[in-house]
């Protein structure tokens, strides 16, 4: 197999168009590192396992759908325990940090990182960095052990605190060195993972035996490559409660309108899946699909028609939808560099009331914004299991010496993914895909797209697919 390095992401090529986008390893820049037998082979929990360790050549394909003449395509290294590890339990000093906004499942990930290090590998020195990246500059840390984290998964939020911004790569690495930390677990979204990549690069430049492992976190499910992000299932489930409340309110009044604003700055996955799951929604508005209010085929006309037909309706709107329609929209940003959004839900409620006042029709509109309630709840059963496996995969990878890596689910298998693949683009709802068509068919709402919009969306999709095929072809060459 041929190997080449692109910004420390190792590209390994095989026959029939096989391409492995591999992750960095400590041995890439530190020669002659000693290895040790994996203590899992003596762990009673694994005594009944037929195969303790993942085979070194196991990989997971990015795209599972293929044609008879398809090339094998891009693969990622399969996550899991390795036969040899690069740390002895006694020498490990690990830290965990959470950054950005809250998300269901944060405490579960923290708990399982700590418990996996303790119970699987015998590591006893684990600390939490208090308050996100800014916490690296402070002296306060939180000792983490199985007793401390035992029941934290039943609570929302993060027991070690979080913050936005505050990233100074060199200062952070200085503090990591000062504290003699050699395993860094970073839980956060797109901006956090970019910061983690910068920390890894600085550690590599200094030639330090320190692994950096990322666990991607975004409630919006907008991280590319992976199947889904943790907390998303919980968010959709909780969003249904708000939708149900809006439906009850709307159905109980003449010309009742329930308006629910859900999370989704740039991607409308929560709004789309909650709509499909609830079956009580008449209209779903997301950032990826433009809409307009007035005129033939506009939102106001659709609302009028639904009220005449059913006497009530429910509208779900993602927080990033229709931002271009708000005249007061500005380019302000928060500490993480995210664009500050106006409250489109509140704006929309005022616009609907104004419209029906002008046509002298009484409507009873109830506006529900459950955003912070959803972010702050504990994760559900599905996300708890997912968080557990993500944390264990991160620990297995760190002990095996993989660094500059993000863990994630690809086609149902846990994998190690290079940082740059996670941060290169955001995952968005494709409005020319079948899933969005399923939603339109379910709600019977108009698409609000003209012929030019449809043509533009298809052209963008074709261009993206063509670019991906070209990259695959170049990698296979």
Protein backbone atom coordinates (compact mmCIF):
# COMPACT_ATOMS: atom_id res chain seq x y z
CA UNK A 1 0.00 0.00 0.00
CA UNK A 2 1.14 3.52 -0.79
CA UNK A 3 1.18 6.12 1.96
CA UNK A 4 1.35 9.93 1.90
CA UNK A 5 0.80 12.66 4.48
CA UNK A 6 -1.53 15.63 4.04
CA UNK A 7 -1.29 18.03 7.02
CA UNK A 8 -0.49 15.01 9.25
CA UNK A 9 -3.56 13.14 7.95
CA UNK A 10 -2.10 9.95 6.56
CA UNK A 11 -3.56 8.82 3.24
CA UNK A 12 -3.15 5.10 2.69
CA UNK A 13 -4.07 3.71 -0.72
CA UNK A 14 -4.87 0.14 -1.65
CA UNK A 15 -6.26 -1.79 -4.57
CA UNK A 16 -9.59 -1.11 -6.28
CA UNK A 17 -9.75 2.50 -5.21
CA UNK A 18 -9.35 1.81 -1.48
CA UNK A 19 -8.42 5.00 0.43
CA UNK A 20 -7.83 5.11 4.19
CA UNK A 21 -7.83 8.58 5.73
CA UNK A 22 -5.79 7.60 8.75
CA UNK A 23 -5.21 9.50 11.98
CA UNK A 24 -1.87 10.61 13.46
CA UNK A 25 -0.01 8.54 16.03
CA UNK A 26 2.59 9.35 18.67
CA UNK A 27 5.11 7.17 16.83
CA UNK A 28 4.84 9.47 13.79
CA UNK A 29 7.01 12.08 15.50
CA UNK A 30 8.50 10.33 18.55
CA UNK A 31 10.82 7.47 17.51
CA UNK A 32 11.44 4.26 19.48
CA UNK A 33 8.48 4.58 21.83
CA UNK A 34 8.13 1.55 24.14
CA UNK A 35 4.90 -0.42 24.03
CA UNK A 36 3.20 -2.47 26.71
CA UNK A 37 0.68 -5.32 26.74
CA UNK A 38 -2.89 -4.04 26.95
CA UNK A 39 -4.14 -4.62 30.53
CA UNK A 40 -7.57 -5.47 29.11
CA UNK A 41 -6.32 -8.99 28.44
CA UNK A 42 -6.29 -9.52 32.21
CA UNK A 43 -9.53 -7.65 32.85
CA UNK A 44 -12.31 -9.98 34.13
CA UNK A 45 -14.91 -7.97 32.21
CA UNK A 46 -13.26 -8.97 28.94
CA UNK A 47 -12.49 -12.58 29.87
CA UNK A 48 -15.49 -13.93 27.93
CA UNK A 49 -14.87 -11.78 24.83
CA UNK A 50 -13.97 -13.90 21.82
CA UNK A 51 -11.63 -11.29 20.36
CA UNK A 52 -10.16 -8.79 22.79
CA UNK A 53 -8.60 -6.42 20.30
CA UNK A 54 -9.44 -4.69 17.06
CA UNK A 55 -7.32 -5.88 14.14
CA UNK A 56 -4.87 -3.22 12.99
CA UNK A 57 -6.19 -3.37 9.43
CA UNK A 58 -9.88 -3.01 10.35
CA UNK A 59 -11.43 0.01 8.67
CA UNK A 60 -14.94 1.39 8.11
CA UNK A 61 -16.14 2.64 4.73
CA UNK A 62 -17.58 6.17 4.63
CA UNK A 63 -20.29 5.42 2.07
CA UNK A 64 -22.11 2.12 2.39
CA UNK A 65 -24.16 2.40 -0.83
CA UNK A 66 -22.26 1.20 -3.89
CA UNK A 67 -22.77 0.17 -7.51
CA UNK A 68 -21.27 -2.91 -9.12
CA UNK A 69 -18.50 -0.81 -10.71
CA UNK A 70 -17.92 1.48 -7.71
CA UNK A 71 -14.46 1.94 -6.26
CA UNK A 72 -14.02 0.94 -2.64
CA UNK A 73 -13.76 4.60 -1.63
CA UNK A 74 -12.79 6.40 1.57
CA UNK A 75 -12.37 4.47 4.81
CA UNK A 76 -11.61 5.40 8.43
CA UNK A 77 -9.72 3.43 11.04
CA UNK A 78 -12.00 1.35 13.24
CA UNK A 79 -12.06 2.35 16.90
CA UNK A 80 -11.46 -0.04 19.77
CA UNK A 81 -8.78 -1.52 22.04
CA UNK A 82 -5.40 -2.47 20.56
CA UNK A 83 -3.11 -5.33 21.60
CA UNK A 84 -0.29 -2.93 22.49
CA UNK A 85 -0.60 0.36 24.39
CA UNK A 86 1.83 3.26 24.62
CA UNK A 87 1.15 4.24 28.24
CA UNK A 88 1.54 2.36 31.49
CA UNK A 89 -1.38 3.02 33.86
CA UNK A 90 0.81 4.65 36.49
CA UNK A 91 2.29 7.20 34.10
CA UNK A 92 -1.03 8.54 32.78
CA UNK A 93 -2.20 11.99 33.87
CA UNK A 94 -5.44 12.67 32.02
CA UNK A 95 -7.67 15.72 31.81
CA UNK A 96 -11.18 16.29 30.47
CA UNK A 97 -12.55 19.64 29.25
CA UNK A 98 -15.99 20.64 27.94
CA UNK A 99 -16.41 23.72 25.75
CA UNK A 100 -19.25 25.64 24.10
CA UNK A 101 -22.96 25.38 24.79
CA UNK A 102 -24.72 22.72 26.83
CA UNK A 103 -25.92 19.49 25.30
CA UNK A 104 -27.63 16.38 26.73
CA UNK A 105 -25.05 13.68 27.39
CA UNK A 106 -22.05 15.79 28.43
CA UNK A 107 -21.98 14.32 31.93
CA UNK A 108 -22.36 10.80 30.55
CA UNK A 109 -19.28 11.26 28.35
CA UNK A 110 -17.30 12.64 31.30
CA UNK A 111 -18.42 9.76 33.51
CA UNK A 112 -17.46 7.08 31.00
CA UNK A 113 -14.05 8.59 30.22
CA UNK A 114 -13.24 8.51 33.93
CA UNK A 115 -14.67 5.03 34.52
CA UNK A 116 -13.02 3.58 31.41
CA UNK A 117 -9.61 4.92 32.43
CA UNK A 118 -10.04 3.61 35.99
CA UNK A 119 -11.74 0.26 35.43
CA UNK A 120 -10.33 -0.80 32.05
CA UNK A 121 -6.78 0.53 32.23
CA UNK A 122 -6.09 1.16 35.92
CA UNK A 123 -5.51 4.90 35.46
CA UNK A 124 -6.13 6.82 38.69
CA UNK A 125 -5.03 10.38 37.89
CA UNK A 126 -7.84 12.20 36.05
CA UNK A 127 -8.83 15.84 36.45
CA UNK A 128 -11.52 18.06 34.99
CA UNK A 129 -10.54 21.46 33.61
CA UNK A 130 -12.95 23.92 35.20
CA UNK A 131 -14.83 26.13 32.72
CA UNK A 132 -13.77 25.23 29.18
CA UNK A 133 -10.58 26.33 27.44
CA UNK A 134 -10.34 29.33 29.78
CA UNK A 135 -9.92 26.88 32.65
CA UNK A 136 -6.47 25.87 31.44
CA UNK A 137 -5.19 29.31 32.53
CA UNK A 138 -6.67 29.00 36.02
CA UNK A 139 -5.31 26.99 38.92
CA UNK A 140 -8.66 25.37 39.71
CA UNK A 141 -9.13 21.80 38.57
CA UNK A 142 -11.66 19.18 39.61
CA UNK A 143 -10.38 15.73 40.68
CA UNK A 144 -12.40 13.06 38.89
CA UNK A 145 -12.81 9.49 40.11
CA UNK A 146 -15.54 6.84 39.78
CA UNK A 147 -17.13 7.86 43.08
CA UNK A 148 -17.39 11.54 42.07
CA UNK A 149 -18.87 10.78 38.64
CA UNK A 150 -21.04 7.85 39.69
CA UNK A 151 -24.44 9.49 39.20
CA UNK A 152 -23.63 12.61 37.17
CA UNK A 153 -25.20 11.09 34.04
CA UNK A 154 -28.58 11.63 35.68
CA UNK A 155 -28.01 15.40 35.65
CA UNK A 156 -28.08 17.86 32.80
CA UNK A 157 -25.27 20.28 31.99
CA UNK A 158 -21.61 19.56 32.75
CA UNK A 159 -20.14 19.05 36.22
CA UNK A 160 -16.82 20.59 35.17
CA UNK A 161 -18.33 23.74 33.68
CA UNK A 162 -18.02 25.18 30.20
CA UNK A 163 -17.43 28.46 28.38
CA UNK A 164 -17.09 29.90 24.90
CA UNK A 165 -13.86 31.25 23.47
CA UNK A 166 -10.74 31.71 25.58
CA UNK A 167 -8.52 29.67 23.28
CA UNK A 168 -4.81 30.54 23.31
CA UNK A 169 -2.99 27.52 21.93
CA UNK A 170 0.50 28.16 23.29
CA UNK A 171 -0.73 29.08 26.77
CA UNK A 172 -2.94 26.01 26.90
CA UNK A 173 -0.08 23.70 25.89
CA UNK A 174 2.19 25.44 28.43
CA UNK A 175 -0.34 24.64 31.17
CA UNK A 176 -0.70 21.06 29.95
CA UNK A 177 3.09 20.68 30.26
CA UNK A 178 3.20 22.40 33.66
CA UNK A 179 0.59 19.99 35.01
CA UNK A 180 2.39 17.00 33.42
CA UNK A 181 -0.80 15.99 31.61
CA UNK A 182 -0.28 13.42 28.83
CA UNK A 183 -3.85 12.60 27.78
CA UNK A 184 -6.25 15.41 26.84
CA UNK A 185 -9.93 14.66 26.18
CA UNK A 186 -11.75 17.59 24.57
CA UNK A 187 -15.55 17.58 24.26
CA UNK A 188 -17.04 20.26 22.04
CA UNK A 189 -18.41 21.33 18.69
CA UNK A 190 -16.89 22.58 15.46
CA UNK A 191 -14.98 25.50 16.96
CA UNK A 192 -13.80 23.39 19.89
CA UNK A 193 -12.50 20.66 17.58
CA UNK A 194 -10.60 23.27 15.53
CA UNK A 195 -9.05 24.41 18.79
CA UNK A 196 -8.21 20.80 19.65
CA UNK A 197 -6.51 20.43 16.25
CA UNK A 198 -4.39 23.52 16.98
CA UNK A 199 -3.45 22.13 20.42
CA UNK A 200 -2.41 18.84 18.80
CA UNK A 201 -0.26 20.66 16.21
CA UNK A 202 1.53 22.64 18.93
CA UNK A 203 2.12 19.49 20.99
CA UNK A 204 3.50 17.75 17.92
CA UNK A 205 5.75 20.72 17.13
CA UNK A 206 7.20 20.47 20.64
CA UNK A 207 7.64 16.70 20.28
CA UNK A 208 5.68 15.88 23.42
CA UNK A 209 4.26 12.48 24.34
CA UNK A 210 0.74 13.84 24.82
CA UNK A 211 -2.35 12.55 23.03
CA UNK A 212 -5.25 14.81 22.10
CA UNK A 213 -8.59 13.07 21.64
CA UNK A 214 -11.78 14.88 20.62
CA UNK A 215 -15.39 13.89 21.22
CA UNK A 216 -17.62 15.89 18.84
CA UNK A 217 -20.54 17.66 20.52
CA UNK A 218 -23.32 19.56 18.81
CA UNK A 219 -26.99 19.30 19.62
CA UNK A 220 -27.77 20.51 16.07
CA UNK A 221 -26.23 17.37 14.49
CA UNK A 222 -24.29 19.59 12.07
CA UNK A 223 -20.90 17.80 12.23
CA UNK A 224 -19.97 16.22 8.92
CA UNK A 225 -18.85 12.61 8.29
CA UNK A 226 -20.40 11.07 11.43
CA UNK A 227 -23.86 9.48 11.49
CA UNK A 228 -25.12 11.72 14.29
CA UNK A 229 -23.85 13.67 17.27
CA UNK A 230 -24.68 12.76 20.86
CA UNK A 231 -27.59 14.62 22.41
CA UNK A 232 -29.46 14.83 19.11
CA UNK A 233 -31.87 11.97 19.86
CA UNK A 234 -32.66 13.49 23.25
CA UNK A 235 -33.24 16.91 21.69
CA UNK A 236 -35.68 15.50 19.13
CA UNK A 237 -37.53 13.55 21.81
CA UNK A 238 -37.85 16.60 24.08
CA UNK A 239 -38.80 18.84 21.14
CA UNK A 240 -41.82 16.62 20.57
CA UNK A 241 -43.12 17.56 24.04
CA UNK A 242 -43.08 21.24 23.06
CA UNK A 243 -44.77 20.43 19.74
CA UNK A 244 -47.45 18.42 21.55
CA UNK A 245 -48.10 21.34 23.91
CA UNK A 246 -48.38 23.71 20.95
CA UNK A 247 -50.80 21.33 19.23
CA UNK A 248 -53.00 21.03 22.33
CA UNK A 249 -53.14 24.82 22.68
CA UNK A 250 -53.89 25.36 18.98
CA UNK A 251 -56.51 22.61 18.80
CA UNK A 252 -58.36 24.00 21.82
CA UNK A 253 -59.05 27.43 20.32
CA UNK A 254 -60.68 28.90 17.27
CA UNK A 255 -58.06 29.71 14.65
CA UNK A 256 -55.40 28.48 17.06
CA UNK A 257 -51.77 28.65 15.95
CA UNK A 258 -48.98 26.93 17.86
CA UNK A 259 -45.54 28.30 16.99
CA UNK A 260 -42.51 26.39 18.28
CA UNK A 261 -38.91 27.58 17.89
CA UNK A 262 -36.28 24.83 18.01
CA UNK A 263 -32.50 24.81 17.86
CA UNK A 264 -30.67 24.86 14.54
CA UNK A 265 -28.41 27.82 13.78
CA UNK A 266 -27.32 26.62 10.35
CA UNK A 267 -28.82 23.13 10.13
CA UNK A 268 -32.47 22.17 10.54
CA UNK A 269 -32.10 18.55 11.60
CA UNK A 270 -33.82 18.87 14.99
CA UNK A 271 -36.78 20.72 13.45
CA UNK A 272 -37.02 18.23 10.58
CA UNK A 273 -36.83 15.05 12.68
CA UNK A 274 -39.09 16.40 15.42
CA UNK A 275 -41.65 17.31 12.76
CA UNK A 276 -41.50 13.85 11.19
CA UNK A 277 -41.71 12.19 14.60
CA UNK A 278 -44.63 14.21 15.99
CA UNK A 279 -47.01 14.14 12.97
CA UNK A 280 -48.79 17.19 14.46
CA UNK A 281 -46.87 19.83 12.51
CA UNK A 282 -48.36 21.62 9.52
CA UNK A 283 -45.28 23.61 8.53
CA UNK A 284 -41.55 23.23 9.23
CA UNK A 285 -39.14 26.08 8.45
CA UNK A 286 -35.37 25.49 8.45
CA UNK A 287 -32.27 27.55 7.55
CA UNK A 288 -31.50 25.50 4.43
CA UNK A 289 -34.89 26.14 2.79
CA UNK A 290 -35.72 29.81 2.08
CA UNK A 291 -39.31 30.95 2.47
CA UNK A 292 -41.30 34.13 2.00
CA UNK A 293 -44.30 35.53 3.83
CA UNK A 294 -46.56 37.44 1.46
CA UNK A 295 -48.00 36.84 -1.98
CA UNK A 296 -49.04 33.80 -3.95
CA UNK A 297 -47.64 30.60 -2.46
CA UNK A 298 -46.25 32.43 0.57
CA UNK A 299 -46.42 31.38 4.22
CA UNK A 300 -49.33 33.67 5.08
CA UNK A 301 -51.47 32.22 2.29
CA UNK A 302 -50.67 28.70 3.49
CA UNK A 303 -51.61 29.58 7.09
CA UNK A 304 -54.92 31.02 5.93
CA UNK A 305 -55.70 27.87 3.95
CA UNK A 306 -54.84 25.52 6.85
CA UNK A 307 -56.96 27.51 9.31
CA UNK A 308 -59.93 27.40 6.92
CA UNK A 309 -59.47 23.66 6.45
CA UNK A 310 -58.64 22.50 10.00
CA UNK A 311 -59.36 25.45 12.27
CA UNK A 312 -55.87 25.27 13.79
CA UNK A 313 -52.23 24.63 12.83
CA UNK A 314 -48.74 24.08 14.27
CA UNK A 315 -45.60 25.72 12.88
CA UNK A 316 -42.05 24.63 13.78
CA UNK A 317 -39.24 27.04 13.00
CA UNK A 318 -35.50 26.48 13.51
CA UNK A 319 -33.67 29.39 15.15
CA UNK A 320 -31.57 30.06 12.04
CA UNK A 321 -34.46 30.02 9.57
CA UNK A 322 -35.53 33.23 7.85
CA UNK A 323 -32.74 35.33 9.36
CA UNK A 324 -32.37 37.13 6.03
CA UNK A 325 -35.93 38.43 6.43
CA UNK A 326 -35.22 40.22 9.71
CA UNK A 327 -34.46 43.85 8.94
CA UNK A 328 -32.52 44.26 12.18
CA UNK A 329 -30.17 41.39 11.42
CA UNK A 330 -26.55 42.28 12.20
CA UNK A 331 -23.16 40.63 11.94
CA UNK A 332 -22.42 40.46 15.66
CA UNK A 333 -20.69 37.33 16.96
CA UNK A 334 -20.34 35.56 20.28
CA UNK A 335 -17.09 34.52 21.99
CA UNK A 336 -16.93 31.32 19.91
CA UNK A 337 -17.24 33.23 16.63
CA UNK A 338 -20.84 32.17 16.03
CA UNK A 339 -23.11 34.74 14.44
CA UNK A 340 -25.57 36.17 16.95
CA UNK A 341 -29.07 35.42 15.70
CA UNK A 342 -32.20 37.46 16.21
CA UNK A 343 -35.21 35.73 17.77
CA UNK A 344 -36.93 34.60 14.58
CA UNK A 345 -39.71 32.92 16.56
CA UNK A 346 -40.73 36.09 18.36
CA UNK A 347 -40.43 38.05 15.10
CA UNK A 348 -42.55 35.47 13.26
CA UNK A 349 -45.28 35.56 15.93
CA UNK A 350 -45.54 39.35 15.57
CA UNK A 351 -45.66 39.13 11.76
CA UNK A 352 -48.45 36.53 11.80
CA UNK A 353 -50.51 38.58 14.25
CA UNK A 354 -49.99 41.74 12.15
CA UNK A 355 -51.06 39.96 8.96
CA UNK A 356 -54.29 38.59 10.39
CA UNK A 357 -55.08 41.92 12.05
CA UNK A 358 -54.81 43.56 8.62
CA UNK A 359 -57.27 41.10 7.08
CA UNK A 360 -59.51 41.45 10.17
CA UNK A 361 -59.31 37.82 11.23
CA UNK A 362 -58.88 36.80 14.86
CA UNK A 363 -56.17 34.23 15.58
CA UNK A 364 -55.06 32.76 18.89
CA UNK A 365 -51.29 32.31 18.64
CA UNK A 366 -49.17 30.67 21.32
CA UNK A 367 -45.38 30.94 20.98
CA UNK A 368 -43.24 28.28 22.69
CA UNK A 369 -39.42 28.46 22.92
CA UNK A 370 -38.10 25.34 24.70
CA UNK A 371 -34.48 25.88 23.60
CA UNK A 372 -32.74 26.07 26.98
CA UNK A 373 -35.02 23.47 28.52
CA UNK A 374 -33.92 21.00 25.82
CA UNK A 375 -30.21 21.79 26.18
CA UNK A 376 -30.24 21.35 29.95
CA UNK A 377 -31.92 17.95 30.35
CA UNK A 378 -30.11 14.63 30.91
CA UNK A 379 -29.65 12.39 27.88
CA UNK A 380 -32.16 9.65 27.08
CA UNK A 381 -31.41 5.92 26.92
CA UNK A 382 -30.24 5.95 23.30
CA UNK A 383 -27.85 8.85 23.83
CA UNK A 384 -26.58 7.39 27.10
CA UNK A 385 -25.48 4.24 25.29
CA UNK A 386 -23.97 6.28 22.45
CA UNK A 387 -22.06 8.55 24.88
CA UNK A 388 -20.70 5.50 26.69
CA UNK A 389 -19.33 3.98 23.49
CA UNK A 390 -17.87 7.30 22.29
CA UNK A 391 -16.03 7.75 25.59
CA UNK A 392 -14.70 4.20 25.58
CA UNK A 393 -13.52 4.57 21.98
CA UNK A 394 -11.69 7.78 22.90
CA UNK A 395 -9.93 6.10 25.83
CA UNK A 396 -8.96 3.02 23.79
CA UNK A 397 -7.51 5.27 21.10
CA UNK A 398 -5.56 7.43 23.53
CA UNK A 399 -4.03 4.43 25.30
CA UNK A 400 -3.05 3.01 21.88
CA UNK A 401 -1.21 6.25 21.01
CA UNK A 402 -3.63 7.73 18.47
CA UNK A 403 -3.68 11.52 18.67
CA UNK A 404 -5.11 14.44 16.71
CA UNK A 405 -8.23 12.32 16.41
CA UNK A 406 -11.98 12.64 16.78
CA UNK A 407 -14.15 9.64 17.57
CA UNK A 408 -17.46 9.18 15.80
CA UNK A 409 -20.03 6.78 14.42
CA UNK A 410 -19.73 6.08 10.67
CA UNK A 411 -22.24 3.68 9.15
CA UNK A 412 -22.99 2.27 12.58
CA UNK A 413 -19.34 1.59 13.47
CA UNK A 414 -17.16 3.59 15.83
CA UNK A 415 -14.16 5.10 14.07
CA UNK A 416 -11.16 7.39 14.49
CA UNK A 417 -11.43 10.42 12.20
CA UNK A 418 -8.80 13.12 11.52
CA UNK A 419 -9.68 16.53 12.98
CA UNK A 420 -9.63 18.22 9.58
CA UNK A 421 -12.35 15.95 8.20
CA UNK A 422 -14.67 16.86 11.07
CA UNK A 423 -14.11 20.61 10.79
CA UNK A 424 -13.88 21.08 7.01
CA UNK A 425 -17.61 21.69 6.52
CA UNK A 426 -20.94 21.65 8.34
CA UNK A 427 -23.55 18.96 7.90
CA UNK A 428 -26.78 20.46 6.57
CA UNK A 429 -30.21 19.26 5.47
CA UNK A 430 -30.17 18.69 1.73
CA UNK A 431 -33.44 20.14 0.44
CA UNK A 432 -33.13 18.15 -2.81
CA UNK A 433 -32.82 14.89 -0.86
CA UNK A 434 -35.56 12.36 -0.19
CA UNK A 435 -35.71 13.06 3.56
CA UNK A 436 -36.84 16.65 3.03
CA UNK A 437 -39.29 15.41 0.39
CA UNK A 438 -40.67 13.00 3.00
CA UNK A 439 -41.25 15.89 5.36
CA UNK A 440 -43.02 17.96 2.69
CA UNK A 441 -45.23 14.98 1.92
CA UNK A 442 -45.96 14.45 5.63
CA UNK A 443 -46.90 18.06 6.40
CA UNK A 444 -48.34 18.80 2.96
CA UNK A 445 -46.68 22.23 3.17
CA UNK A 446 -45.39 24.08 0.11
CA UNK A 447 -41.64 24.02 -0.47
CA UNK A 448 -41.61 27.82 -0.95
CA UNK A 449 -38.99 27.23 -3.63
CA UNK A 450 -39.27 28.68 -7.11
CA UNK A 451 -37.81 26.99 -10.17
CA UNK A 452 -34.61 29.02 -9.83
CA UNK A 453 -34.19 27.98 -6.19
CA UNK A 454 -34.64 24.30 -7.06
CA UNK A 455 -32.20 24.56 -9.96
CA UNK A 456 -29.64 26.31 -7.72
CA UNK A 457 -29.98 23.71 -4.97
CA UNK A 458 -29.57 20.84 -7.44
CA UNK A 459 -26.56 22.54 -9.03
CA UNK A 460 -24.91 22.97 -5.64
CA UNK A 461 -25.53 19.31 -4.81
CA UNK A 462 -24.16 18.11 -8.17
CA UNK A 463 -21.08 20.33 -7.76
CA UNK A 464 -20.45 18.97 -4.25
CA UNK A 465 -20.83 15.35 -5.40
CA UNK A 466 -18.59 15.98 -8.41
CA UNK A 467 -15.94 17.54 -6.19
CA UNK A 468 -16.10 14.55 -3.81
CA UNK A 469 -15.75 12.09 -6.71
CA UNK A 470 -12.77 14.05 -8.01
CA UNK A 471 -11.12 13.98 -4.60
CA UNK A 472 -11.70 10.24 -4.35
CA UNK A 473 -10.25 9.80 -7.81
CA UNK A 474 -7.17 11.86 -6.94
CA UNK A 475 -6.67 9.93 -3.70
CA UNK A 476 -6.95 6.66 -5.57
CA UNK A 477 -4.54 7.73 -8.32
